[in-house]
Amino acid sequence: MPRKFHKHKLLLDEGFPIRSYLPISNRRFDLKHISADLKQSGLSDEEIHKLAAEQGRIVITLNIRDFKPLAPLHKNTGVIGVSAVLPFDQVDKKLDSLLSKSSPKQFLGKLIIISGESKS
């Protein structure tokens, strides 16, 4: 039996452009940008991770190295690290594919990495 669709809550780190660059994910999930939507600029990685945990959001970041040690610290958030060389249209498709088949708790306390271009 297919999984029930879950509308994940996501938080784009400052390194990402505004959410309109990810139209599929923006339409299908509860997507917020740390500075454009939440008006929180200049926060440390720890503060962003804590805010995501408080709001029950998964952090989407290009800054994999700095968020890696933070991922297991809070059990009500997770981190999806994205390769900086991946074009945003591919990021959008890969995020949608990953999140659409994932349960609400699958990312909590974890770091998941999206990399490489797909052929679609």
Protein backbone atom coordinates (compact mmCIF):
# COMPACT_ATOMS: atom_id res chain seq x y z
CA MET A 1 0.00 0.00 0.00
CA PRO A 2 1.44 3.45 -0.91
CA ARG A 3 2.40 5.83 1.86
CA LYS A 4 0.08 8.71 2.65
CA PHE A 5 1.52 12.00 1.38
CA HIS A 6 3.00 14.15 4.14
CA LYS A 7 3.42 17.90 3.66
CA HIS A 8 6.88 18.30 5.20
CA LYS A 9 7.84 21.60 6.81
CA LEU A 10 11.12 22.87 5.36
CA LEU A 11 13.48 25.75 6.17
CA LEU A 12 15.82 27.08 3.50
CA ASP A 13 19.17 28.28 4.84
CA GLU A 14 20.48 31.72 3.81
CA GLY A 15 22.70 30.16 1.12
CA PHE A 16 19.60 29.24 -0.87
CA PRO A 17 17.73 31.67 -3.10
CA ILE A 18 14.13 32.52 -2.24
CA ARG A 19 11.60 29.71 -2.42
CA SER A 20 10.28 30.69 -5.86
CA TYR A 21 13.45 29.06 -7.27
CA LEU A 22 12.03 25.73 -6.06
CA PRO A 23 8.48 25.87 -7.51
CA ILE A 24 7.61 22.18 -7.12
CA SER A 25 8.76 22.01 -3.50
CA ASN A 26 7.17 25.38 -2.76
CA ARG A 27 3.81 24.15 -4.05
CA ARG A 28 3.87 20.70 -2.42
CA PHE A 29 5.49 21.40 0.95
CA ASP A 30 5.46 24.05 3.68
CA LEU A 31 8.63 25.83 2.52
CA LYS A 32 10.05 28.91 4.27
CA HIS A 33 13.26 30.86 3.65
CA ILE A 34 15.15 31.88 6.81
CA SER A 35 15.66 35.51 5.78
CA ALA A 36 13.04 36.21 3.08
CA ASP A 37 10.08 34.64 4.92
CA LEU A 38 11.06 34.51 8.58
CA LYS A 39 13.08 37.77 8.53
CA GLN A 40 15.96 36.10 10.40
CA SER A 41 19.23 37.17 8.77
CA GLY A 42 22.71 36.59 10.13
CA LEU A 43 21.85 33.73 12.46
CA SER A 44 24.53 31.19 13.29
CA ASP A 45 24.11 27.64 12.03
CA GLU A 46 23.29 26.56 15.59
CA GLU A 47 20.56 29.20 15.85
CA ILE A 48 19.07 28.18 12.49
CA HIS A 49 19.06 24.53 13.55
CA LYS A 50 17.44 25.41 16.89
CA LEU A 51 14.77 27.53 15.17
CA ALA A 52 14.03 24.67 12.77
CA ALA A 53 13.67 22.31 15.74
CA GLU A 54 11.30 24.71 17.51
CA GLN A 55 9.15 24.96 14.37
CA GLY A 56 9.42 21.28 13.45
CA ARG A 57 11.10 22.09 10.12
CA ILE A 58 13.82 20.26 8.20
CA VAL A 59 16.80 22.49 7.34
CA ILE A 60 17.74 22.58 3.64
CA THR A 61 21.31 23.83 3.26
CA LEU A 62 24.31 24.06 0.96
CA ASN A 63 26.50 24.24 4.08
CA ILE A 64 26.78 20.49 4.66
CA ARG A 65 30.07 20.60 6.58
CA ASP A 66 28.83 22.94 9.31
CA PHE A 67 25.38 21.35 9.70
CA LYS A 68 26.63 17.75 9.82
CA PRO A 69 27.52 17.82 13.54
CA LEU A 70 24.24 19.62 14.34
CA ALA A 71 21.93 17.09 12.68
CA PRO A 72 21.72 14.58 15.58
CA LEU A 73 21.33 17.25 18.29
CA HIS A 74 17.56 17.75 17.99
CA LYS A 75 15.12 14.91 17.45
CA ASN A 76 12.37 17.13 16.00
CA THR A 77 14.37 18.41 13.04
CA GLY A 78 16.78 17.07 10.48
CA VAL A 79 19.10 18.40 7.79
CA ILE A 80 19.06 17.90 4.04
CA GLY A 81 22.41 18.94 2.62
CA VAL A 82 22.52 19.87 -1.06
CA SER A 83 25.56 19.84 -3.33
CA ALA A 84 26.46 23.40 -4.34
CA VAL A 85 27.10 22.31 -7.94
CA LEU A 86 23.57 20.98 -8.44
CA PRO A 87 21.34 23.38 -10.46
CA PHE A 88 18.28 24.55 -8.51
CA ASP A 89 15.82 22.97 -10.96
CA GLN A 90 17.48 19.61 -10.20
CA VAL A 91 17.48 20.37 -6.47
CA ASP A 92 13.74 21.01 -6.71
CA LYS A 93 13.06 17.71 -8.51
CA LYS A 94 15.28 15.70 -6.18
CA LEU A 95 13.76 17.28 -3.05
CA ASP A 96 10.27 16.52 -4.32
CA SER A 97 11.18 12.93 -5.12
CA LEU A 98 12.88 12.37 -1.76
CA LEU A 99 10.21 14.05 0.37
CA SER A 100 7.20 12.65 -1.49
CA LYS A 101 8.09 9.09 -0.53
CA SER A 102 9.24 9.85 3.01
CA SER A 103 7.47 9.53 6.32
CA PRO A 104 7.18 12.50 8.71
CA LYS A 105 9.87 11.13 11.07
CA GLN A 106 12.33 9.76 8.51
CA PHE A 107 14.69 12.78 8.60
CA LEU A 108 14.58 13.60 12.30
CA GLY A 109 18.02 13.69 13.91
CA LYS A 110 19.70 12.86 10.60
CA LEU A 111 21.68 14.39 7.75
CA ILE A 112 20.60 13.38 4.24
CA ILE A 113 22.69 14.54 1.27
CA ILE A 114 21.39 15.31 -2.23
CA SER A 115 24.04 15.34 -4.93
CA GLY A 116 24.62 14.62 -8.61
CA GLU A 117 22.45 15.44 -11.59
CA SER A 118 19.61 13.18 -12.61
CA LYS A 119 18.82 12.44 -16.23
CA SER A 120 15.17 13.50 -15.97
